[in-house]
Amino acid sequence: MRKFILSIFLTFVCFTTYTYSQNIINVPAADINSISTAISGAAAGDILVLERDGIYLFQGRLDVAVPLTIRAAEGSGKRPLLQQIPTDLGTYAGDPDVQISADLTLENIHFNGSRGPLRTISTGRAIRYAADNLKLVVDGCVFERYWLRTIDLNAFVGCKVFYKNSLHLWDGREDRIDNGRFLDTRGSSIDSLVVVNNTFLNCNDRFIRNMGLPGIITFAKFDHNTFYGNIGYRPPFQFRTTKELVFTNNVVANVGLLGTDTLSNRKDEVGYADPAKTICIFTVTGTDTLNTTIDMKNNVVFTESRFTELFAINPLAVQPAPLFNKEWLDRITLSEAVIDEQLTFVKAPSLDSLRLDLGNYINGGTNWSNTGFTTRTEVLTPEEVNMSYGKTAAAYTAADGYPAGDLNWYPAMKAQWEEGVDLTGLEELNGLPSDYSLEQNYPNPFNPSTDIKFNIPQSGFVTLSVYNVLGQKITELVNGELSAGSYNYNFDASNLASGIYLYTITTNNFTQSKKMMLLK
């Protein structure tokens, strides 16, 4: 079975526990602010179910104050759309659209930050953290038209972000190339950042901004994502002090298109550049502080020739951006990290207008902010986008037999990947569990502590309890909502007497108990 090993996911997420019951609340789309009313009236652990094809309009910010799940109803139809509209006074009352001071899980929701027909006016942020030690889980969602930063961790600590199967149609706005980011962590400390099987299109500035003190990421994993279309006013992938970074099996296409431009007023900030003051595609700094490790393999990285040829217009001022700064390059094996192959996607957003603007800008040799430089790109609907590519491409089997990039564009291959089907004869621990299971504790017998592992193939409410032989509950190791994955908990019996104890896992669909022996 292929397991989705989320190193810090196992260590940190597991220790956030709640004692609440779940209520499933169906939220109608007919009334303006119905989603606002549902969120403000929800109790901890509630699940808000939104109608397929529903349009949920709201006035003012949505404040999540208790742990919630917001998800689309089962069945066919488009994802429910959430969009802010003006108040009765004709003004917008909230930015971000959603602010969280408690854990939030989002499943199959469409967020649109548009504030009118002009592509220069939109909400700055989709989701912003408002407290320490929060967990955000995003699965199967769509985001578009957030010009500043879609996910803003807002300088809090203990942050956890688990992001999968989602689509970003556009992060930015036409008249600003220095903004537009998927994730902005400025000054935040992140316990765990896991980004798997997503597609990011038309991101103006950076896909991730990790800078500012303390700015520490304990564990980050980017696996099987597709990144396409990025101006790169600053490094598209910018990491500050990071302990463990995994960047595997991704497609990175047409990013950092502003190259090494020295014509603009790009800011010279710490961590933006290598020692030669050149902005790179991938940067990491502060690696000696935490002895950073980078696992980078099987990534297809390319820029189409129609963009690289623009650099010949003014070669003294602009050259293609280097892939890595020195600290990143020193921690990888380049031949394993990057595959250089030009791919043709079935339906990617057109970058023709962007190429025209970029060519005129490079040729003009003047500051972008004084020329009205725009970032005109085609924004497709979720139904129009198709970032799959042909089976004859080397990239199609580059990820240990699976296609590099977002596997959602290859449903049959993704199903095999999730089931752990080995296409290369090599076992790789990369997928989600396919079955519920409770493993025997180890060591057993034990003194004074032991590890208990279990697997859950889908999100749900989970309890993991320890009992004595009389059936009396000794402790609860888990009592709360968990996402699909593999977990490991340590049970410390320092204060207990020798003897036989039982541990039991209970979910909505599964219950199992096992015995363990404490010998002192």
Protein backbone atom coordinates (compact mmCIF):
# COMPACT_ATOMS: atom_id res chain seq x y z
CA MET A 1 0.00 0.00 0.00
CA ARG A 2 1.28 3.42 -0.91
CA LYS A 3 1.33 5.68 2.15
CA PHE A 4 1.28 9.43 2.05
CA ILE A 5 4.15 10.19 4.38
CA LEU A 6 3.73 13.72 5.63
CA SER A 7 6.63 13.87 8.03
CA ILE A 8 5.54 16.81 10.14
CA PHE A 9 1.88 15.99 9.45
CA LEU A 10 2.41 12.94 11.64
CA THR A 11 4.16 14.88 14.35
CA PHE A 12 2.23 18.12 14.67
CA VAL A 13 -1.29 17.76 13.28
CA CYS A 14 -1.97 14.79 15.44
CA PHE A 15 -1.69 16.74 18.68
CA THR A 16 -4.49 19.19 17.91
CA THR A 17 -7.51 17.65 19.63
CA TYR A 18 -11.09 18.71 20.12
CA THR A 19 -14.01 17.39 22.10
CA TYR A 20 -17.04 18.17 20.00
CA SER A 21 -19.72 16.41 18.04
CA GLN A 22 -20.37 16.92 14.36
CA ASN A 23 -23.56 18.41 12.96
CA ILE A 24 -24.16 18.35 9.23
CA ILE A 25 -25.88 21.57 8.14
CA ASN A 26 -27.17 22.07 4.60
CA VAL A 27 -26.74 25.72 3.60
CA PRO A 28 -29.10 27.07 0.88
CA ALA A 29 -27.73 29.29 -1.83
CA ALA A 30 -30.90 31.27 -2.45
CA ASP A 31 -30.34 34.05 0.08
CA ILE A 32 -27.54 36.60 0.16
CA ASN A 33 -25.34 36.07 3.23
CA SER A 34 -26.66 32.57 3.89
CA ILE A 35 -23.06 31.37 4.13
CA SER A 36 -22.23 34.23 6.53
CA THR A 37 -25.15 33.26 8.76
CA ALA A 38 -24.21 29.59 8.69
CA ILE A 39 -20.58 30.25 9.63
CA SER A 40 -21.37 32.71 12.40
CA GLY A 41 -23.94 30.34 13.90
CA ALA A 42 -21.90 27.15 13.61
CA ALA A 43 -20.67 25.13 16.56
CA ALA A 44 -17.24 23.54 16.81
CA GLY A 45 -16.97 20.53 14.51
CA ASP A 46 -19.96 21.39 12.32
CA ILE A 47 -19.91 20.45 8.65
CA LEU A 48 -21.50 23.02 6.33
CA VAL A 49 -22.67 21.44 3.08
CA LEU A 50 -23.15 23.78 0.10
CA GLU A 51 -25.28 23.12 -2.97
CA ARG A 52 -23.70 22.02 -6.22
CA ASP A 53 -24.12 24.78 -8.84
CA GLY A 54 -24.98 27.13 -5.97
CA ILE A 55 -23.79 30.76 -5.93
CA TYR A 56 -23.14 32.02 -2.40
CA LEU A 57 -22.94 35.79 -2.29
CA PHE A 58 -21.89 37.50 0.92
CA GLN A 59 -21.27 41.02 2.19
CA GLY A 60 -18.24 41.51 4.41
CA ARG A 61 -15.60 39.14 5.68
CA LEU A 62 -16.41 35.55 6.66
CA ASP A 63 -14.96 34.95 10.15
CA VAL A 64 -14.33 31.33 11.15
CA ALA A 65 -14.14 31.28 14.96
CA VAL A 66 -14.64 27.54 15.64
CA PRO A 67 -13.25 24.43 13.88
CA LEU A 68 -15.33 23.87 10.76
CA THR A 69 -15.57 21.88 7.56
CA ILE A 70 -17.15 23.58 4.53
CA ARG A 71 -17.71 21.27 1.60
CA ALA A 72 -19.73 20.77 -1.55
CA ALA A 73 -22.66 18.39 -1.58
CA GLU A 74 -22.10 14.95 -3.06
CA GLY A 75 -23.08 14.39 -6.67
CA SER A 76 -22.57 16.09 -10.00
CA GLY A 77 -22.61 19.78 -10.85
CA LYS A 78 -20.18 22.64 -10.47
CA ARG A 79 -18.51 23.47 -7.21
CA PRO A 80 -20.46 25.97 -5.11
CA LEU A 81 -19.15 29.48 -5.79
CA LEU A 82 -18.35 31.92 -2.97
CA GLN A 83 -18.02 35.59 -3.91
CA GLN A 84 -18.12 38.81 -1.93
CA ILE A 85 -20.43 41.59 -3.13
CA PRO A 86 -20.78 45.24 -2.03
CA THR A 87 -22.74 46.19 1.06
CA ASP A 88 -25.99 48.12 0.79
CA LEU A 89 -23.84 51.27 0.82
CA GLY A 90 -22.08 50.15 -2.34
CA THR A 91 -18.70 49.41 -0.71
CA TYR A 92 -16.80 46.21 0.00
CA ALA A 93 -16.50 45.59 3.71
CA GLY A 94 -14.02 42.75 3.94
CA ASP A 95 -10.51 41.71 2.93
CA PRO A 96 -9.76 38.83 3.16
CA ASP A 97 -12.82 36.94 2.09
CA VAL A 98 -12.24 34.41 4.88
CA GLN A 99 -10.38 34.97 8.14
CA ILE A 100 -9.71 31.98 10.38
CA SER A 101 -9.03 31.92 14.08
CA ALA A 102 -9.82 28.18 14.25
CA ASP A 103 -9.01 25.15 12.09
CA LEU A 104 -10.76 25.03 8.73
CA THR A 105 -11.25 22.28 6.14
CA LEU A 106 -12.47 23.23 2.65
CA GLU A 107 -13.59 20.61 0.13
CA ASN A 108 -14.61 21.34 -3.47
CA ILE A 109 -15.42 25.04 -3.08
CA HIS A 110 -14.86 27.73 -5.75
CA PHE A 111 -13.60 31.11 -4.47
CA ASN A 112 -13.73 34.15 -6.76
CA GLY A 113 -12.14 37.41 -5.59
CA SER A 114 -13.49 39.53 -8.46
CA ARG A 115 -14.97 42.89 -7.53
CA GLY A 116 -16.36 43.84 -10.90
CA PRO A 117 -15.63 43.43 -14.60
CA LEU A 118 -12.21 45.17 -14.50
CA ARG A 119 -9.30 42.82 -14.02
CA THR A 120 -7.49 45.43 -11.94
CA ILE A 121 -10.03 45.34 -9.11
CA SER A 122 -10.37 42.32 -6.84
CA THR A 123 -10.09 41.16 -3.25
CA GLY A 124 -6.53 41.00 -2.01
CA ARG A 125 -6.68 37.74 -0.08
CA ALA A 126 -8.88 34.66 -0.05
CA ILE A 127 -7.89 33.23 3.35
CA ARG A 128 -5.92 34.83 6.19
CA TYR A 129 -4.78 33.32 9.47
CA ALA A 130 -5.71 35.21 12.65
CA ALA A 131 -4.19 33.03 15.38
CA ASP A 132 -1.27 30.72 16.14
CA ASN A 133 -1.27 26.93 15.72
CA LEU A 134 -4.01 26.74 13.11
CA LYS A 135 -4.51 24.00 10.54
CA LEU A 136 -5.93 24.70 7.07
CA VAL A 137 -6.90 21.78 4.85
CA VAL A 138 -7.86 22.56 1.24
CA ASP A 139 -9.00 19.73 -1.04
CA GLY A 140 -10.44 20.03 -4.54
CA CYS A 141 -11.01 23.79 -4.46
CA VAL A 142 -10.70 26.52 -7.09
CA PHE A 143 -9.30 30.02 -6.51
CA GLU A 144 -9.22 32.96 -8.91
CA ARG A 145 -8.75 36.73 -9.00
CA TYR A 146 -7.00 37.35 -5.66
CA TRP A 147 -4.49 40.02 -6.54
CA LEU A 148 -2.33 40.15 -3.42
CA ARG A 149 -1.90 36.72 -1.80
CA THR A 150 -4.41 33.89 -1.88
CA ILE A 151 -3.34 32.25 1.39
CA ASP A 152 -1.87 34.65 3.98
CA LEU A 153 -0.38 33.19 7.16
CA ASN A 154 -0.10 36.70 8.56
CA ALA A 155 3.03 36.29 10.78
CA PHE A 156 1.54 33.64 13.07
CA VAL A 157 3.43 30.62 14.39
CA GLY A 158 2.72 26.90 14.46
CA CYS A 159 0.91 27.13 11.10
CA LYS A 160 -0.11 23.99 9.24
CA VAL A 161 -1.26 23.96 5.60
CA PHE A 162 -2.36 20.83 3.73
CA TYR A 163 -3.26 21.57 0.14
CA LYS A 164 -4.29 19.06 -2.51
CA ASN A 165 -6.27 18.52 -5.72
CA SER A 166 -6.94 22.24 -6.18
CA LEU A 167 -6.76 24.70 -9.07
CA HIS A 168 -5.58 28.31 -9.12
CA LEU A 169 -6.77 30.12 -12.23
CA TRP A 170 -5.06 33.45 -11.57
CA ASP A 171 -3.17 35.04 -8.67
CA GLY A 172 -2.64 38.71 -9.47
CA ARG A 173 -4.02 41.66 -11.40
CA GLU A 174 -3.25 43.26 -14.72
CA ASP A 175 -1.61 46.44 -13.48
CA ARG A 176 0.66 44.99 -10.77
CA ILE A 177 3.47 42.55 -11.47
CA ASP A 178 4.89 42.83 -7.94
CA ASN A 179 1.91 41.07 -6.32
CA GLY A 180 -0.01 37.88 -6.86
CA ARG A 181 1.07 34.89 -4.75
CA PHE A 182 -0.40 31.52 -3.88
CA LEU A 183 1.09 31.44 -0.38
CA ASP A 184 2.57 34.29 1.66
CA THR A 185 4.14 33.25 4.96
CA ARG A 186 5.86 36.54 5.84
CA GLY A 187 7.23 36.25 9.36
CA SER A 188 5.28 33.05 10.05
CA SER A 189 6.69 29.83 11.47
CA ILE A 190 5.27 26.77 9.72
CA ASP A 191 5.20 23.35 11.29
CA SER A 192 4.08 21.62 8.12
CA LEU A 193 3.34 22.71 4.55
CA VAL A 194 2.17 19.95 2.21
CA VAL A 195 1.14 20.81 -1.36
CA VAL A 196 0.25 17.79 -3.52
CA ASN A 197 -1.54 17.36 -6.88
CA ASN A 198 -2.49 20.96 -7.58
CA THR A 199 -2.33 23.23 -10.64
CA PHE A 200 -1.27 26.88 -10.36
CA LEU A 201 -1.83 29.12 -13.39
CA ASN A 202 -0.95 32.77 -13.99
CA CYS A 203 0.78 33.65 -10.75
CA ASN A 204 2.24 37.12 -11.20
CA ASP A 205 4.85 37.45 -8.47
CA ARG A 206 5.64 34.24 -6.51
CA PHE A 207 4.09 30.88 -5.86
CA ILE A 208 5.46 30.98 -2.32
CA ARG A 209 6.89 33.85 -0.33
CA ASN A 210 8.67 32.70 2.83
CA MET A 211 10.66 35.54 4.35
CA GLY A 212 10.76 37.80 7.37
CA LEU A 213 11.62 36.72 10.91
CA PRO A 214 11.24 34.13 12.28
CA GLY A 215 10.18 32.65 8.94
CA ILE A 216 11.06 29.04 9.80
CA ILE A 217 9.48 26.11 7.95
CA THR A 218 10.05 22.80 9.72
CA PHE A 219 8.77 20.64 6.86
CA ALA A 220 7.62 21.52 3.34
CA LYS A 221 6.59 19.12 0.61
CA PHE A 222 5.65 20.03 -2.96
CA ASP A 223 4.84 16.88 -4.93
CA HIS A 224 3.08 16.34 -8.28
CA ASN A 225 2.06 19.95 -8.89
CA THR A 226 1.87 21.87 -12.17
CA PHE A 227 3.05 25.49 -12.15
CA TYR A 228 2.44 27.47 -15.36
CA GLY A 229 2.83 31.16 -16.20
CA ASN A 230 4.70 33.50 -13.86
CA ILE A 231 6.27 36.94 -14.35
CA GLY A 232 8.66 36.41 -11.44
CA TYR A 233 9.11 39.95 -10.20
CA ARG A 234 10.83 38.13 -7.34
CA PRO A 235 11.91 34.46 -7.06
CA PRO A 236 8.91 32.27 -7.96
CA PHE A 237 9.85 29.78 -5.21
CA GLN A 238 11.33 31.67 -2.28
CA PHE A 239 12.18 29.90 0.96
CA ARG A 240 13.85 31.34 3.99
CA THR A 241 15.06 29.13 6.85
CA THR A 242 13.67 25.66 6.11
CA LYS A 243 14.65 22.46 7.90
CA GLU A 244 13.33 19.84 5.46
CA LEU A 245 12.20 20.63 1.91
CA VAL A 246 10.85 18.08 -0.55
CA PHE A 247 10.26 19.22 -4.14
CA THR A 248 9.51 16.23 -6.34
CA ASN A 249 7.65 15.21 -9.50
CA ASN A 250 6.44 18.72 -10.40
CA VAL A 251 6.08 20.50 -13.76
CA VAL A 252 7.37 24.09 -13.73
CA ALA A 253 6.65 25.81 -17.05
CA ASN A 254 7.15 29.41 -18.19
CA VAL A 255 8.01 30.89 -14.81
CA GLY A 256 10.41 33.71 -13.94
CA LEU A 257 9.71 35.35 -17.29
CA LEU A 258 11.15 38.70 -16.23
CA GLY A 259 14.53 36.98 -16.10
CA THR A 260 17.47 38.86 -14.63
CA ASP A 261 15.89 42.18 -15.56
CA THR A 262 17.79 45.19 -14.22
CA LEU A 263 15.59 47.73 -15.96
CA SER A 264 12.79 47.70 -13.41
CA ASN A 265 12.71 48.82 -9.80
CA ARG A 266 12.80 45.27 -8.42
CA LYS A 267 13.59 45.38 -4.74
CA ASP A 268 16.91 44.09 -3.45
CA GLU A 269 15.65 42.32 -0.34
CA VAL A 270 17.31 39.63 1.77
CA GLY A 271 16.84 36.20 0.25
CA TYR A 272 15.76 37.41 -3.17
CA ALA A 273 19.05 36.89 -4.90
CA ASP A 274 22.24 34.89 -5.01
CA PRO A 275 25.54 36.58 -4.06
CA ALA A 276 25.72 38.08 -7.55
CA LYS A 277 22.40 39.85 -6.87
CA THR A 278 20.64 37.82 -9.55
CA ILE A 279 17.05 36.78 -9.01
CA CYS A 280 16.69 32.99 -9.43
CA ILE A 281 13.73 30.66 -9.91
CA PHE A 282 14.41 28.65 -6.75
CA THR A 283 15.98 30.34 -3.71
CA VAL A 284 16.56 29.26 -0.14
CA THR A 285 18.49 31.14 2.56
CA GLY A 286 19.60 30.50 6.11
CA THR A 287 20.40 26.87 5.30
CA ASP A 288 23.28 26.66 7.77
CA THR A 289 21.02 27.66 10.68
CA LEU A 290 18.94 24.46 10.55
CA ASN A 291 21.24 22.32 8.40
CA THR A 292 18.64 22.35 5.64
CA THR A 293 18.01 19.19 3.62
CA ILE A 294 16.47 19.40 0.14
CA ASP A 295 15.08 16.34 -1.63
CA MET A 296 14.56 17.46 -5.23
CA LYS A 297 13.91 14.87 -7.93
CA ASN A 298 12.05 14.32 -11.20
CA ASN A 299 10.90 17.90 -11.86
CA VAL A 300 10.26 18.97 -15.45
CA VAL A 301 11.35 22.62 -15.72
CA PHE A 302 11.23 24.54 -18.98
CA THR A 303 10.57 27.89 -20.63
CA GLU A 304 9.13 27.96 -24.12
CA SER A 305 11.44 29.28 -26.83
CA ARG A 306 8.97 32.04 -27.67
CA PHE A 307 9.90 33.59 -24.31
CA THR A 308 13.60 32.80 -24.19
CA GLU A 309 14.10 34.44 -27.57
CA LEU A 310 12.90 37.74 -26.08
CA PHE A 311 16.06 37.97 -24.00
CA ALA A 312 18.06 38.53 -27.18
CA ILE A 313 16.33 41.89 -27.59
CA ASN A 314 18.34 43.57 -24.84
CA PRO A 315 20.95 41.04 -23.65
CA LEU A 316 22.93 43.56 -21.61
CA ALA A 317 19.93 44.20 -19.39
CA VAL A 318 17.97 40.95 -19.37
CA GLN A 319 18.94 37.28 -19.42
CA PRO A 320 17.02 34.14 -18.46
CA ALA A 321 16.81 33.75 -14.70
CA PRO A 322 19.15 31.08 -13.25
CA LEU A 323 17.31 28.12 -11.79
CA PHE A 324 18.96 28.08 -8.34
CA ASN A 325 20.75 30.30 -5.89
CA LYS A 326 23.93 28.83 -4.42
CA GLU A 327 22.44 27.61 -1.16
CA TRP A 328 19.80 25.59 -3.01
CA LEU A 329 22.21 24.26 -5.62
CA ASP A 330 24.67 23.10 -2.96
CA ARG A 331 22.01 20.79 -1.48
CA ILE A 332 20.79 18.92 -4.55
CA THR A 333 22.08 16.69 -7.32
CA LEU A 334 21.21 18.70 -10.41
CA SER A 335 20.95 15.70 -12.75
CA GLU A 336 18.30 14.16 -10.48
CA ALA A 337 16.47 17.39 -9.66
CA VAL A 338 15.57 18.74 -13.11
CA ILE A 339 14.43 17.32 -16.44
CA ASP A 340 14.57 19.77 -19.35
CA GLU A 341 11.75 18.93 -21.74
CA GLN A 342 9.34 21.17 -23.63
CA LEU A 343 5.76 20.03 -23.08
CA THR A 344 2.59 20.89 -24.99
CA PHE A 345 -0.51 20.99 -22.84
CA VAL A 346 -3.98 20.13 -24.15
CA LYS A 347 -5.49 23.44 -22.95
CA ALA A 348 -3.35 25.93 -21.09
CA PRO A 349 -4.14 29.64 -20.74
CA SER A 350 -2.81 31.65 -23.66
CA LEU A 351 0.23 33.76 -22.79
CA ASP A 352 0.34 35.54 -26.17
CA SER A 353 -0.63 38.97 -24.82
CA LEU A 354 1.81 38.59 -21.97
CA ARG A 355 4.59 37.79 -24.42
CA LEU A 356 3.75 40.89 -26.44
CA ASP A 357 3.79 43.10 -23.34
CA LEU A 358 7.01 41.56 -22.09
CA GLY A 359 8.73 41.99 -25.44
CA ASN A 360 7.71 45.64 -25.68
CA TYR A 361 8.91 46.24 -22.14
CA ILE A 362 12.31 44.64 -22.63
CA ASN A 363 12.76 46.47 -25.91
CA GLY A 364 11.78 49.81 -24.36
CA GLY A 365 14.27 49.59 -21.53
CA THR A 366 12.26 51.72 -19.10
CA ASN A 367 10.88 51.18 -15.62
CA TRP A 368 7.79 48.98 -15.68
CA SER A 369 5.88 51.22 -13.27
CA ASN A 370 6.22 54.17 -15.67
CA THR A 371 5.17 52.34 -18.80
CA GLY A 372 1.83 50.93 -17.72
CA PHE A 373 3.27 47.43 -18.02
CA THR A 374 0.40 44.96 -17.66
CA THR A 375 0.19 41.23 -17.17
CA ARG A 376 -2.55 40.34 -19.58
CA THR A 377 -3.21 36.62 -19.51
CA GLU A 378 -6.11 34.43 -20.52
CA VAL A 379 -8.16 33.22 -17.57
CA LEU A 380 -9.96 29.97 -18.31
CA THR A 381 -12.83 28.36 -16.44
CA PRO A 382 -12.15 25.17 -14.48
CA GLU A 383 -14.03 23.23 -17.15
CA GLU A 384 -11.81 24.63 -19.93
CA VAL A 385 -8.41 23.95 -18.38
CA ASN A 386 -6.61 20.72 -19.28
CA MET A 387 -2.93 20.60 -18.32
CA SER A 388 -2.33 17.04 -19.49
CA TYR A 389 0.32 16.36 -22.13
CA GLY A 390 1.07 13.50 -24.52
CA LYS A 391 2.05 10.00 -23.49
CA THR A 392 5.12 10.11 -25.74
CA ALA A 393 6.76 12.80 -23.59
CA ALA A 394 9.55 11.60 -21.31
CA ALA A 395 7.77 13.49 -18.52
CA TYR A 396 4.85 11.04 -18.78
CA THR A 397 6.85 8.37 -16.92
CA ALA A 398 9.42 10.63 -15.26
CA ALA A 399 7.94 10.44 -11.74
CA ASP A 400 8.89 6.81 -11.06
CA GLY A 401 6.60 5.63 -13.83
CA TYR A 402 3.88 8.24 -13.31
CA PRO A 403 3.44 11.57 -15.13
CA ALA A 404 5.22 14.56 -13.63
CA GLY A 405 2.88 17.33 -12.56
CA ASP A 406 -0.67 17.32 -11.25
CA LEU A 407 -2.03 13.78 -11.53
CA ASN A 408 -5.62 15.04 -11.54
CA TRP A 409 -5.17 15.51 -15.30
CA TYR A 410 -4.66 11.72 -15.53
CA PRO A 411 -7.51 10.24 -13.44
CA ALA A 412 -6.69 6.61 -14.14
CA MET A 413 -3.01 7.11 -13.32
CA LYS A 414 -3.90 9.03 -10.18
CA ALA A 415 -6.11 6.17 -8.99
CA GLN A 416 -3.19 3.77 -9.44
CA TRP A 417 -0.87 6.18 -7.65
CA GLU A 418 -3.25 6.42 -4.70
CA GLU A 419 -3.50 2.63 -4.54
CA GLY A 420 0.29 2.37 -4.58
CA VAL A 421 0.58 0.52 -7.88
CA ASP A 422 4.31 0.31 -8.56
CA LEU A 423 4.97 1.18 -12.20
CA THR A 424 8.74 0.95 -11.98
CA GLY A 425 9.43 -2.02 -9.72
CA LEU A 426 10.48 0.44 -7.03
CA GLU A 427 8.35 1.09 -3.95
CA GLU A 428 7.76 4.75 -3.21
CA LEU A 429 5.86 5.99 -0.18
CA ASN A 430 3.82 8.71 -1.76
CA GLY A 431 0.06 8.06 -1.73
CA LEU A 432 -2.85 8.06 0.65
CA PRO A 433 -3.81 4.86 2.49
CA SER A 434 -6.38 2.75 0.66
CA ASP A 435 -7.73 1.00 3.79
CA TYR A 436 -8.33 1.59 7.47
CA SER A 437 -5.84 -0.19 9.71
CA LEU A 438 -4.57 -0.19 13.29
CA GLU A 439 -1.06 -1.55 13.67
CA GLN A 440 0.45 -3.42 16.60
CA ASN A 441 2.23 -1.04 18.92
CA TYR A 442 6.03 -1.05 18.89
CA PRO A 443 7.90 -1.95 20.95
CA ASN A 444 5.72 -4.52 22.65
CA PRO A 445 6.21 -5.30 25.50
CA PHE A 446 7.34 -1.77 26.32
CA ASN A 447 8.70 0.41 29.12
CA PRO A 448 7.76 3.20 29.55
CA SER A 449 6.52 4.32 26.11
CA THR A 450 5.48 2.82 22.79
CA ASP A 451 4.34 4.00 19.35
CA ILE A 452 0.85 3.32 17.97
CA LYS A 453 0.33 3.70 14.23
CA PHE A 454 -2.88 3.75 12.19
CA ASN A 455 -4.07 4.60 8.67
CA ILE A 456 -7.28 6.28 7.55
CA PRO A 457 -8.12 6.54 3.82
CA GLN A 458 -10.55 9.45 4.20
CA SER A 459 -11.09 12.46 6.43
CA GLY A 460 -13.28 12.04 9.47
CA PHE A 461 -13.69 12.19 13.21
CA VAL A 462 -11.25 9.84 14.96
CA THR A 463 -10.72 8.73 18.55
CA LEU A 464 -7.77 6.70 19.77
CA SER A 465 -8.18 5.62 23.40
CA VAL A 466 -6.27 3.47 25.89
CA TYR A 467 -8.09 1.23 28.44
CA ASN A 468 -7.11 -1.05 31.29
CA VAL A 469 -8.31 -4.65 31.49
CA LEU A 470 -11.36 -3.52 33.49
CA GLY A 471 -12.50 -1.40 30.55
CA GLN A 472 -11.72 1.87 32.28
CA LYS A 473 -10.45 4.59 29.96
CA ILE A 474 -6.89 5.63 30.82
CA THR A 475 -6.38 8.35 28.24
CA GLU A 476 -7.39 9.60 24.80
CA LEU A 477 -4.53 10.10 22.37
CA VAL A 478 -6.85 11.41 19.63
CA ASN A 479 -10.29 12.98 19.78
CA GLY A 480 -10.94 15.11 16.74
CA GLU A 481 -11.09 15.61 13.01
CA LEU A 482 -8.21 14.13 10.99
CA SER A 483 -7.46 14.19 7.29
CA ALA A 484 -6.71 11.03 5.34
CA GLY A 485 -3.19 9.83 6.01
CA SER A 486 -0.88 7.72 8.14
CA TYR A 487 -0.41 8.63 11.80
CA ASN A 488 1.94 7.73 14.63
CA TYR A 489 1.24 8.51 18.29
CA ASN A 490 3.47 7.91 21.27
CA PHE A 491 1.85 6.51 24.43
CA ASP A 492 3.78 7.24 27.64
CA ALA A 493 2.91 4.91 30.53
CA SER A 494 5.44 6.23 33.03
CA ASN A 495 2.73 6.67 35.67
CA LEU A 496 1.01 3.34 35.13
CA ALA A 497 1.56 -0.09 36.65
CA SER A 498 2.79 -3.09 34.68
CA GLY A 499 0.08 -5.09 32.98
CA ILE A 500 -2.08 -5.56 29.89
CA TYR A 501 -3.70 -2.51 28.28
CA LEU A 502 -5.94 -2.15 25.25
CA TYR A 503 -5.97 0.61 22.65
CA THR A 504 -8.97 1.26 20.39
CA ILE A 505 -9.44 3.36 17.27
CA THR A 506 -12.94 4.47 16.29
CA THR A 507 -14.03 6.35 13.15
CA ASN A 508 -17.36 6.68 11.36
CA ASN A 509 -16.54 3.57 9.33
CA PHE A 510 -14.06 1.56 11.36
CA THR A 511 -13.37 0.28 14.87
CA GLN A 512 -10.52 -1.96 16.00
CA SER A 513 -8.73 -2.80 19.27
CA LYS A 514 -5.38 -4.36 20.10
CA LYS A 515 -3.58 -5.40 23.27
CA MET A 516 -0.21 -4.20 24.53
CA MET A 517 1.93 -5.13 27.54
CA LEU A 518 3.70 -2.74 29.90
CA LEU A 519 6.63 -4.42 31.73
CA LYS A 520 8.48 -2.34 34.31
